[in-house]
PDB file of N, CA and C in Angstrom:
ATOM      1  N   UNK A   1     107.085  99.809 131.723  1.00  0.00           N
ATOM      2  CA  UNK A   1     106.065 100.853 131.312  1.00  0.00           C
ATOM      3  C   UNK A   1     106.200 101.325 129.697  1.00  0.00           C
ATOM      4  N   UNK A   2     105.977 100.671 128.897  1.00  0.00           N
ATOM      5  CA  UNK A   2     106.727 100.594 127.402  1.00  0.00           C
ATOM      6  C   UNK A   2     105.783 101.726 126.501  1.00  0.00           C
ATOM      7  N   UNK A   3     105.917 101.775 125.633  1.00  0.00           N
ATOM      8  CA  UNK A   3     105.421 103.316 125.196  1.00  0.00           C
ATOM      9  C   UNK A   3     104.016 103.132 124.482  1.00  0.00           C
ATOM     10  N   UNK A   4     104.635 101.640 123.607  1.00  0.00           N
ATOM     11  CA  UNK A   4     102.949 101.145 123.350  1.00  0.00           C
ATOM     12  C   UNK A   4     101.566 101.353 124.184  1.00  0.00           C
ATOM     13  N   UNK A   5     102.514 100.753 125.252  1.00  0.00           N
ATOM     14  CA  UNK A   5     101.323 100.455 126.133  1.00  0.00           C
ATOM     15  C   UNK A   5     100.272 101.571 127.443  1.00  0.00           C
ATOM     16  N   UNK A   6     101.420 103.028 126.980  1.00  0.00           N
ATOM     17  CA  UNK A   6     101.263 104.367 127.597  1.00  0.00           C
ATOM     18  C   UNK A   6     100.440 104.977 126.715  1.00  0.00           C
ATOM     19  N   UNK A   7     100.874 105.012 125.170  1.00  0.00           N
ATOM     20  CA  UNK A   7      99.940 105.229 124.502  1.00  0.00           C
ATOM     21  C   UNK A   7      98.623 104.802 123.985  1.00  0.00           C
ATOM     22  N   UNK A   8      98.549 103.316 124.075  1.00  0.00           N
ATOM     23  CA  UNK A   8      97.112 103.147 124.012  1.00  0.00           C
ATOM     24  C   UNK A   8      96.405 103.287 125.851  1.00  0.00           C
ATOM     25  N   UNK A   9      97.464 103.642 126.688  1.00  0.00           N
ATOM     26  CA  UNK A   9      95.740 104.437 128.120  1.00  0.00           C
ATOM     27  C   UNK A   9      95.800 105.758 127.877  1.00  0.00           C
ATOM     28  N   UNK A  10      96.577 106.224 127.275  1.00  0.00           N
ATOM     29  CA  UNK A  10      96.968 108.365 126.627  1.00  0.00           C
ATOM     30  C   UNK A  10      95.254 108.441 125.540  1.00  0.00           C
ATOM     31  N   UNK A  11      95.095 106.704 125.041  1.00  0.00           N
ATOM     32  CA  UNK A  11      94.241 107.075 124.102  1.00  0.00           C
ATOM     33  C   UNK A  11      92.520 106.621 124.590  1.00  0.00           C
ATOM     34  N   UNK A  12      92.603 105.894 125.307  1.00  0.00           N
ATOM     35  CA  UNK A  12      91.809 105.196 125.761  1.00  0.00           C
ATOM     36  C   UNK A  12      91.154 106.372 127.269  1.00  0.00           C
ATOM     37  N   UNK A  13      92.229 107.339 127.342  1.00  0.00           N
ATOM     38  CA  UNK A  13      91.833 108.532 128.065  1.00  0.00           C
ATOM     39  C   UNK A  13      91.358 109.308 127.422  1.00  0.00           C
ATOM     40  N   UNK A  14      91.110 109.935 126.422  1.00  0.00           N
ATOM     41  CA  UNK A  14      91.179 110.118 125.449  1.00  0.00           C
ATOM     42  C   UNK A  14      89.730 110.448 124.884  1.00  0.00           C
ATOM     43  N   UNK A  15      89.420 109.456 125.241  1.00  0.00           N
ATOM     44  CA  UNK A  15      87.853 108.868 124.806  1.00  0.00           C
ATOM     45  C   UNK A  15      87.455 108.420 123.193  1.00  0.00           C
ATOM     46  N   UNK A  16      88.833 108.596 122.367  1.00  0.00           N
ATOM     47  CA  UNK A  16      88.194 108.188 120.820  1.00  0.00           C
ATOM     48  C   UNK A  16      88.565 109.915 120.514  1.00  0.00           C
ATOM     49  N   UNK A  17      88.727 110.943 121.183  1.00  0.00           N
ATOM     50  CA  UNK A  17      88.515 112.571 120.601  1.00  0.00           C
ATOM     51  C   UNK A  17      90.307 112.756 121.024  1.00  0.00           C
ATOM     52  N   UNK A  18      90.855 113.873 119.469  1.00  0.00           N
ATOM     53  CA  UNK A  18      92.461 114.494 119.443  1.00  0.00           C
ATOM     54  C   UNK A  18      92.276 115.062 121.776  1.00  0.00           C
ATOM     55  N   UNK A  19      93.525 115.755 121.431  1.00  0.00           N
ATOM     56  CA  UNK A  19      93.198 116.106 122.645  1.00  0.00           C
ATOM     57  C   UNK A  19      93.267 117.787 122.277  1.00  0.00           C
ATOM     58  N   UNK A  20      93.312 117.800 120.967  1.00  0.00           N
ATOM     59  CA  UNK A  20      92.910 118.655 120.735  1.00  0.00           C
ATOM     60  C   UNK A  20      91.471 119.494 120.618  1.00  0.00           C
ATOM     61  N   UNK A  21      91.098 118.439 120.424  1.00  0.00           N
ATOM     62  CA  UNK A  21      89.282 118.596 120.485  1.00  0.00           C
ATOM     63  C   UNK A  21      88.636 119.127 121.901  1.00  0.00           C
ATOM     64  N   UNK A  22      89.436 117.690 122.902  1.00  0.00           N
ATOM     65  CA  UNK A  22      89.697 117.554 124.150  1.00  0.00           C
ATOM     66  C   UNK A  22      89.955 119.177 124.882  1.00  0.00           C
ATOM     67  N   UNK A  23      90.901 119.836 124.473  1.00  0.00           N
ATOM     68  CA  UNK A  23      91.322 121.260 124.907  1.00  0.00           C
ATOM     69  C   UNK A  23      90.442 122.423 124.437  1.00  0.00           C
ATOM     70  N   UNK A  24      89.872 122.522 122.915  1.00  0.00           N
ATOM     71  CA  UNK A  24      88.452 123.158 122.900  1.00  0.00           C
ATOM     72  C   UNK A  24      87.727 123.097 123.294  1.00  0.00           C
ATOM     73  N   UNK A  25      86.498 121.996 123.965  1.00  0.00           N
ATOM     74  CA  UNK A  25      85.547 122.169 124.769  1.00  0.00           C
ATOM     75  C   UNK A  25      86.081 122.428 125.624  1.00  0.00           C
ATOM     76  N   UNK A  26      87.817 121.910 126.885  1.00  0.00           N
ATOM     77  CA  UNK A  26      87.681 121.993 127.342  1.00  0.00           C
ATOM     78  C   UNK A  26      87.519 123.962 128.240  1.00  0.00           C
ATOM     79  N   UNK A  27      88.302 124.406 127.692  1.00  0.00           N
ATOM     80  CA  UNK A  27      88.718 125.851 127.380  1.00  0.00           C
ATOM     81  C   UNK A  27      87.176 126.802 127.613  1.00  0.00           C
ATOM     82  N   UNK A  28      86.082 126.138 126.326  1.00  0.00           N
ATOM     83  CA  UNK A  28      84.646 126.975 126.783  1.00  0.00           C
ATOM     84  C   UNK A  28      83.784 126.025 128.071  1.00  0.00           C
ATOM     85  N   UNK A  29      84.309 125.139 128.865  1.00  0.00           N
ATOM     86  CA  UNK A  29      82.996 124.625 129.883  1.00  0.00           C
ATOM     87  C   UNK A  29      83.863 125.473 131.526  1.00  0.00           C
ATOM     88  N   UNK A  30      85.467 125.029 131.282  1.00  0.00           N
ATOM     89  CA  UNK A  30      86.005 125.887 132.944  1.00  0.00           C
ATOM     90  C   UNK A  30      86.499 127.252 132.842  1.00  0.00           C
ATOM     91  N   UNK A  31      86.524 127.884 133.890  1.00  0.00           N
ATOM     92  CA  UNK A  31      86.658 128.563 134.706  1.00  0.00           C
ATOM     93  C   UNK A  31      87.746 129.124 134.360  1.00  0.00           C
ATOM     94  N   UNK A  32      87.327 130.335 133.306  1.00  0.00           N
ATOM     95  CA  UNK A  32      88.530 131.113 132.234  1.00  0.00           C
ATOM     96  C   UNK A  32      89.509 132.219 133.813  1.00  0.00           C
ATOM     97  N   UNK A  33      89.415 131.867 135.256  1.00  0.00           N
ATOM     98  CA  UNK A  33      90.144 132.346 135.983  1.00  0.00           C
ATOM     99  C   UNK A  33      91.259 131.323 136.881  1.00  0.00           C
ATOM    100  N   UNK A  34      90.133 129.976 136.626  1.00  0.00           N
ATOM    101  CA  UNK A  34      91.641 129.018 137.220  1.00  0.00           C
ATOM    102  C   UNK A  34      90.657 127.946 136.700  1.00  0.00           C
ATOM    103  N   UNK A  35      91.726 126.676 135.752  1.00  0.00           N
ATOM    104  CA  UNK A  35      90.281 125.539 135.249  1.00  0.00           C
ATOM    105  C   UNK A  35      90.863 124.117 136.447  1.00  0.00           C
ATOM    106  N   UNK A  36      90.791 124.920 137.135  1.00  0.00           N
ATOM    107  CA  UNK A  36      91.357 123.794 138.997  1.00  0.00           C
ATOM    108  C   UNK A  36      89.880 123.961 139.424  1.00  0.00           C
ATOM    109  N   UNK A  37      89.627 125.210 139.238  1.00  0.00           N
ATOM    110  CA  UNK A  37      88.001 124.880 139.738  1.00  0.00           C
ATOM    111  C   UNK A  37      86.581 124.173 139.271  1.00  0.00           C
ATOM    112  N   UNK A  38      85.325 123.785 140.104  1.00  0.00           N
ATOM    113  CA  UNK A  38      84.631 123.109 139.665  1.00  0.00           C
ATOM    114  C   UNK A  38      84.015 123.818 138.580  1.00  0.00           C
ATOM    115  N   UNK A  39      83.528 123.147 137.321  1.00  0.00           N
ATOM    116  CA  UNK A  39      82.554 123.894 136.748  1.00  0.00           C
ATOM    117  C   UNK A  39      81.248 123.574 136.595  1.00  0.00           C
ATOM    118  N   UNK A  40      80.947 124.686 135.878  1.00  0.00           N
ATOM    119  CA  UNK A  40      79.571 124.842 135.786  1.00  0.00           C
ATOM    120  C   UNK A  40      78.836 125.188 134.374  1.00  0.00           C
ATOM    121  N   UNK A  41      78.608 125.086 133.439  1.00  0.00           N
ATOM    122  CA  UNK A  41      77.733 125.304 132.186  1.00  0.00           C
ATOM    123  C   UNK A  41      77.525 125.076 131.446  1.00  0.00           C
ATOM    124  N   UNK A  42      75.932 126.316 130.416  1.00  0.00           N
ATOM    125  CA  UNK A  42      75.473 125.267 129.980  1.00  0.00           C
ATOM    126  C   UNK A  42      76.288 125.210 128.807  1.00  0.00           C
ATOM    127  N   UNK A  43      76.094 124.507 128.041  1.00  0.00           N
ATOM    128  CA  UNK A  43      76.253 122.974 126.811  1.00  0.00           C
ATOM    129  C   UNK A  43      75.383 123.290 125.832  1.00  0.00           C
ATOM    130  N   UNK A  44      75.260 122.414 124.611  1.00  0.00           N
ATOM    131  CA  UNK A  44      74.305 121.983 123.629  1.00  0.00           C
ATOM    132  C   UNK A  44      74.907 120.367 123.809  1.00  0.00           C
ATOM    133  N   UNK A  45      73.561 119.894 124.569  1.00  0.00           N
ATOM    134  CA  UNK A  45      73.297 117.844 124.297  1.00  0.00           C
ATOM    135  C   UNK A  45      74.254 117.142 124.067  1.00  0.00           C
ATOM    136  N   UNK A  46      73.791 117.590 122.484  1.00  0.00           N
ATOM    137  CA  UNK A  46      75.321 117.319 121.369  1.00  0.00           C
ATOM    138  C   UNK A  46      76.972 117.310 121.587  1.00  0.00           C
ATOM    139  N   UNK A  47      77.098 117.994 122.497  1.00  0.00           N
ATOM    140  CA  UNK A  47      78.879 118.140 122.508  1.00  0.00           C
ATOM    141  C   UNK A  47      78.529 117.426 124.579  1.00  0.00           C
ATOM    142  N   UNK A  48      77.545 116.998 124.927  1.00  0.00           N
ATOM    143  CA  UNK A  48      78.181 116.717 125.842  1.00  0.00           C
ATOM    144  C   UNK A  48      79.001 115.443 126.136  1.00  0.00           C
ATOM    145  N   UNK A  49      79.294 114.790 125.307  1.00  0.00           N
ATOM    146  CA  UNK A  49      80.442 112.895 125.105  1.00  0.00           C
ATOM    147  C   UNK A  49      81.541 113.478 125.187  1.00  0.00           C
ATOM    148  N   UNK A  50      81.670 114.785 124.539  1.00  0.00           N
ATOM    149  CA  UNK A  50      83.317 114.984 123.958  1.00  0.00           C
ATOM    150  C   UNK A  50      83.349 116.164 125.219  1.00  0.00           C
ATOM    151  N   UNK A  51      82.406 117.175 126.620  1.00  0.00           N
ATOM    152  CA  UNK A  51      82.469 117.741 126.934  1.00  0.00           C
ATOM    153  C   UNK A  51      82.744 116.549 128.392  1.00  0.00           C
ATOM    154  N   UNK A  52      81.723 115.829 128.736  1.00  0.00           N
ATOM    155  CA  UNK A  52      82.245 114.834 129.683  1.00  0.00           C
ATOM    156  C   UNK A  52      83.546 114.168 129.447  1.00  0.00           C
ATOM    157  N   UNK A  53      84.315 113.576 128.957  1.00  0.00           N
ATOM    158  CA  UNK A  53      85.447 113.040 128.659  1.00  0.00           C
ATOM    159  C   UNK A  53      86.240 113.936 128.340  1.00  0.00           C
ATOM    160  N   UNK A  54      86.493 115.597 128.067  1.00  0.00           N
ATOM    161  CA  UNK A  54      87.814 116.540 128.226  1.00  0.00           C
ATOM    162  C   UNK A  54      87.598 117.044 129.599  1.00  0.00           C
ATOM    163  N   UNK A  55      86.525 117.404 130.279  1.00  0.00           N
ATOM    164  CA  UNK A  55      86.643 117.333 131.290  1.00  0.00           C
ATOM    165  C   UNK A  55      86.802 115.890 132.462  1.00  0.00           C
ATOM    166  N   UNK A  56      86.984 115.178 131.845  1.00  0.00           N
ATOM    167  CA  UNK A  56      87.126 113.927 132.974  1.00  0.00           C
ATOM    168  C   UNK A  56      88.844 113.737 132.581  1.00  0.00           C
ATOM    169  N   UNK A  57      89.136 114.302 131.558  1.00  0.00           N
ATOM    170  CA  UNK A  57      90.881 114.005 130.716  1.00  0.00           C
ATOM    171  C   UNK A  57      91.416 115.233 131.760  1.00  0.00           C
ATOM    172  N   UNK A  58      90.883 116.574 132.255  1.00  0.00           N
ATOM    173  CA  UNK A  58      91.788 116.932 132.723  1.00  0.00           C
ATOM    174  C   UNK A  58      91.610 117.224 134.189  1.00  0.00           C
ATOM    175  N   UNK A  59      90.987 117.361 135.213  1.00  0.00           N
ATOM    176  CA  UNK A  59      90.401 116.961 135.857  1.00  0.00           C
ATOM    177  C   UNK A  59      90.557 115.778 136.647  1.00  0.00           C
ATOM    178  N   UNK A  60      89.686 114.872 135.852  1.00  0.00           N
ATOM    179  CA  UNK A  60      89.934 113.204 137.017  1.00  0.00           C
ATOM    180  C   UNK A  60      88.621 113.225 136.988  1.00  0.00           C
ATOM    181  N   UNK A  61      87.547 113.554 136.813  1.00  0.00           N
ATOM    182  CA  UNK A  61      86.618 113.684 137.231  1.00  0.00           C
ATOM    183  C   UNK A  61      85.622 113.798 135.728  1.00  0.00           C
ATOM    184  N   UNK A  62      84.272 113.140 135.620  1.00  0.00           N
ATOM    185  CA  UNK A  62      83.106 113.890 134.846  1.00  0.00           C
ATOM    186  C   UNK A  62      82.535 115.389 134.396  1.00  0.00           C
ATOM    187  N   UNK A  63      81.735 114.670 134.001  1.00  0.00           N
ATOM    188  CA  UNK A  63      80.062 115.867 134.201  1.00  0.00           C
ATOM    189  C   UNK A  63      78.723 115.346 134.621  1.00  0.00           C
ATOM    190  N   UNK A  64      77.576 116.165 135.884  1.00  0.00           N
ATOM    191  CA  UNK A  64      76.561 115.411 135.347  1.00  0.00           C
ATOM    192  C   UNK A  64      75.686 116.654 135.159  1.00  0.00           C
ATOM    193  N   UNK A  65      74.424 116.095 134.326  1.00  0.00           N
ATOM    194  CA  UNK A  65      74.044 116.886 133.981  1.00  0.00           C
ATOM    195  C   UNK A  65      73.325 117.322 135.346  1.00  0.00           C
ATOM    196  N   UNK A  66      73.057 118.736 134.960  1.00  0.00           N
ATOM    197  CA  UNK A  66      72.195 118.592 136.765  1.00  0.00           C
ATOM    198  C   UNK A  66      70.918 119.522 135.558  1.00  0.00           C
ATOM    199  N   UNK A  67      70.913 120.101 134.655  1.00  0.00           N
ATOM    200  CA  UNK A  67      69.478 120.130 134.256  1.00  0.00           C
ATOM    201  C   UNK A  67      68.628 120.450 132.094  1.00  0.00           C
ATOM    202  N   UNK A  68      68.208 119.522 132.359  1.00  0.00           N
ATOM    203  CA  UNK A  68      67.733 119.923 130.812  1.00  0.00           C
ATOM    204  C   UNK A  68      67.295 120.677 130.070  1.00  0.00           C
ATOM    205  N   UNK A  69      67.034 122.368 128.677  1.00  0.00           N
ATOM    206  CA  UNK A  69      66.239 123.029 128.480  1.00  0.00           C
ATOM    207  C   UNK A  69      66.643 122.695 127.748  1.00  0.00           C
ATOM    208  N   UNK A  70      65.935 123.868 126.511  1.00  0.00           N
ATOM    209  CA  UNK A  70      65.539 123.744 124.958  1.00  0.00           C
ATOM    210  C   UNK A  70      65.336 125.163 124.644  1.00  0.00           C
ATOM    211  N   UNK A  71      65.483 125.132 123.558  1.00  0.00           N
ATOM    212  CA  UNK A  71      65.881 126.594 123.591  1.00  0.00           C
ATOM    213  C   UNK A  71      66.069 126.667 121.368  1.00  0.00           C
ATOM    214  N   UNK A  72      64.898 127.104 121.185  1.00  0.00           N
ATOM    215  CA  UNK A  72      64.703 126.881 119.302  1.00  0.00           C
ATOM    216  C   UNK A  72      64.358 126.199 119.539  1.00  0.00           C
ATOM    217  N   UNK A  73      64.118 125.031 119.966  1.00  0.00           N
ATOM    218  CA  UNK A  73      64.033 122.975 119.405  1.00  0.00           C
ATOM    219  C   UNK A  73      65.287 123.114 119.170  1.00  0.00           C
ATOM    220  N   UNK A  74      66.425 123.092 120.451  1.00  0.00           N
ATOM    221  CA  UNK A  74      67.187 122.439 120.527  1.00  0.00           C
ATOM    222  C   UNK A  74      68.244 122.512 122.210  1.00  0.00           C
ATOM    223  N   UNK A  75      68.158 121.422 121.948  1.00  0.00           N
ATOM    224  CA  UNK A  75      68.593 121.254 123.775  1.00  0.00           C
ATOM    225  C   UNK A  75      69.589 120.926 124.291  1.00  0.00           C
ATOM    226  N   UNK A  76      69.771 121.215 125.202  1.00  0.00           N
ATOM    227  CA  UNK A  76      70.574 121.928 126.187  1.00  0.00           C
ATOM    228  C   UNK A  76      70.972 121.223 127.831  1.00  0.00           C
ATOM    229  N   UNK A  77      72.452 121.577 127.773  1.00  0.00           N
ATOM    230  CA  UNK A  77      71.940 120.907 129.468  1.00  0.00           C
ATOM    231  C   UNK A  77      73.103 122.307 130.500  1.00  0.00           C
ATOM    232  N   UNK A  78      72.404 122.005 131.771  1.00  0.00           N
ATOM    233  CA  UNK A  78      73.035 123.070 132.466  1.00  0.00           C
ATOM    234  C   UNK A  78      73.796 121.392 133.017  1.00  0.00           C
ATOM    235  N   UNK A  79      75.507 121.376 132.959  1.00  0.00           N
ATOM    236  CA  UNK A  79      76.381 120.353 133.676  1.00  0.00           C
ATOM    237  C   UNK A  79      77.196 121.289 134.489  1.00  0.00           C
ATOM    238  N   UNK A  80      77.827 120.239 135.579  1.00  0.00           N
ATOM    239  CA  UNK A  80      78.729 120.815 136.376  1.00  0.00           C
ATOM    240  C   UNK A  80      79.915 119.534 136.754  1.00  0.00           C
ATOM    241  N   UNK A  81      80.571 120.251 137.419  1.00  0.00           N
ATOM    242  CA  UNK A  81      81.944 118.836 137.024  1.00  0.00           C
ATOM    243  C   UNK A  81      82.571 119.501 138.605  1.00  0.00           C
ATOM    244  N   UNK A  82      82.725 118.787 139.066  1.00  0.00           N
ATOM    245  CA  UNK A  82      83.776 118.857 140.263  1.00  0.00           C
ATOM    246  C   UNK A  82      85.089 119.012 140.233  1.00  0.00           C
ATOM    247  N   UNK A  83      86.441 120.187 140.146  1.00  0.00           N
ATOM    248  CA  UNK A  83      87.106 120.460 139.054  1.00  0.00           C
ATOM    249  C   UNK A  83      88.373 120.545 139.907  1.00  0.00           C
ATOM    250  N   UNK A  84      89.237 119.597 139.276  1.00  0.00           N
ATOM    251  CA  UNK A  84      90.705 119.762 139.927  1.00  0.00           C
ATOM    252  C   UNK A  84      91.000 118.814 140.728  1.00  0.00           C
ATOM    253  N   UNK A  85      90.764 120.501 141.561  1.00  0.00           N
ATOM    254  CA  UNK A  85      90.895 120.803 143.044  1.00  0.00           C
ATOM    255  C   UNK A  85      90.044 119.513 143.535  1.00  0.00           C
ATOM    256  N   UNK A  86      89.282 119.365 143.727  1.00  0.00           N
ATOM    257  CA  UNK A  86      88.272 118.697 144.450  1.00  0.00           C
ATOM    258  C   UNK A  86      88.868 116.663 144.077  1.00  0.00           C
ATOM    259  N   UNK A  87      89.018 116.502 142.875  1.00  0.00           N
ATOM    260  CA  UNK A  87      89.500 115.412 142.290  1.00  0.00           C
ATOM    261  C   UNK A  87      90.913 114.529 142.818  1.00  0.00           C
ATOM    262  N   UNK A  88      91.585 115.516 143.195  1.00  0.00           N
ATOM    263  CA  UNK A  88      92.958 115.425 143.694  1.00  0.00           C
ATOM    264  C   UNK A  88      93.289 115.787 144.948  1.00  0.00           C
ATOM    265  N   UNK A  89      91.619 116.256 146.245  1.00  0.00           N
ATOM    266  CA  UNK A  89      91.961 115.721 146.841  1.00  0.00           C
ATOM    267  C   UNK A  89      92.541 117.079 147.910  1.00  0.00           C
ATOM    268  N   UNK A  90      92.940 118.233 147.145  1.00  0.00           N
ATOM    269  CA  UNK A  90      93.070 119.795 147.738  1.00  0.00           C
ATOM    270  C   UNK A  90      92.476 120.420 148.542  1.00  0.00           C
TER     271      UNK A  90
END
């Protein structure tokens, strides 16, 4: 595979976000003791797309919305994602 093709695949995998953007939100939602574990977090609904892309990028699978909540007029999602271990079959 040539470099241009590889770069296109990586760009597509990031969903239009930079790696730094993905890393920043992933650090907020992953288990700080072991990032490869399942993910359970409450996030602003406005961050869902970015968080979903980040979790998919780093673990191989996305997030699902478990519950929607409202607090002070802002919508939040309780989200869950199978971690890296699950996605690689460990």
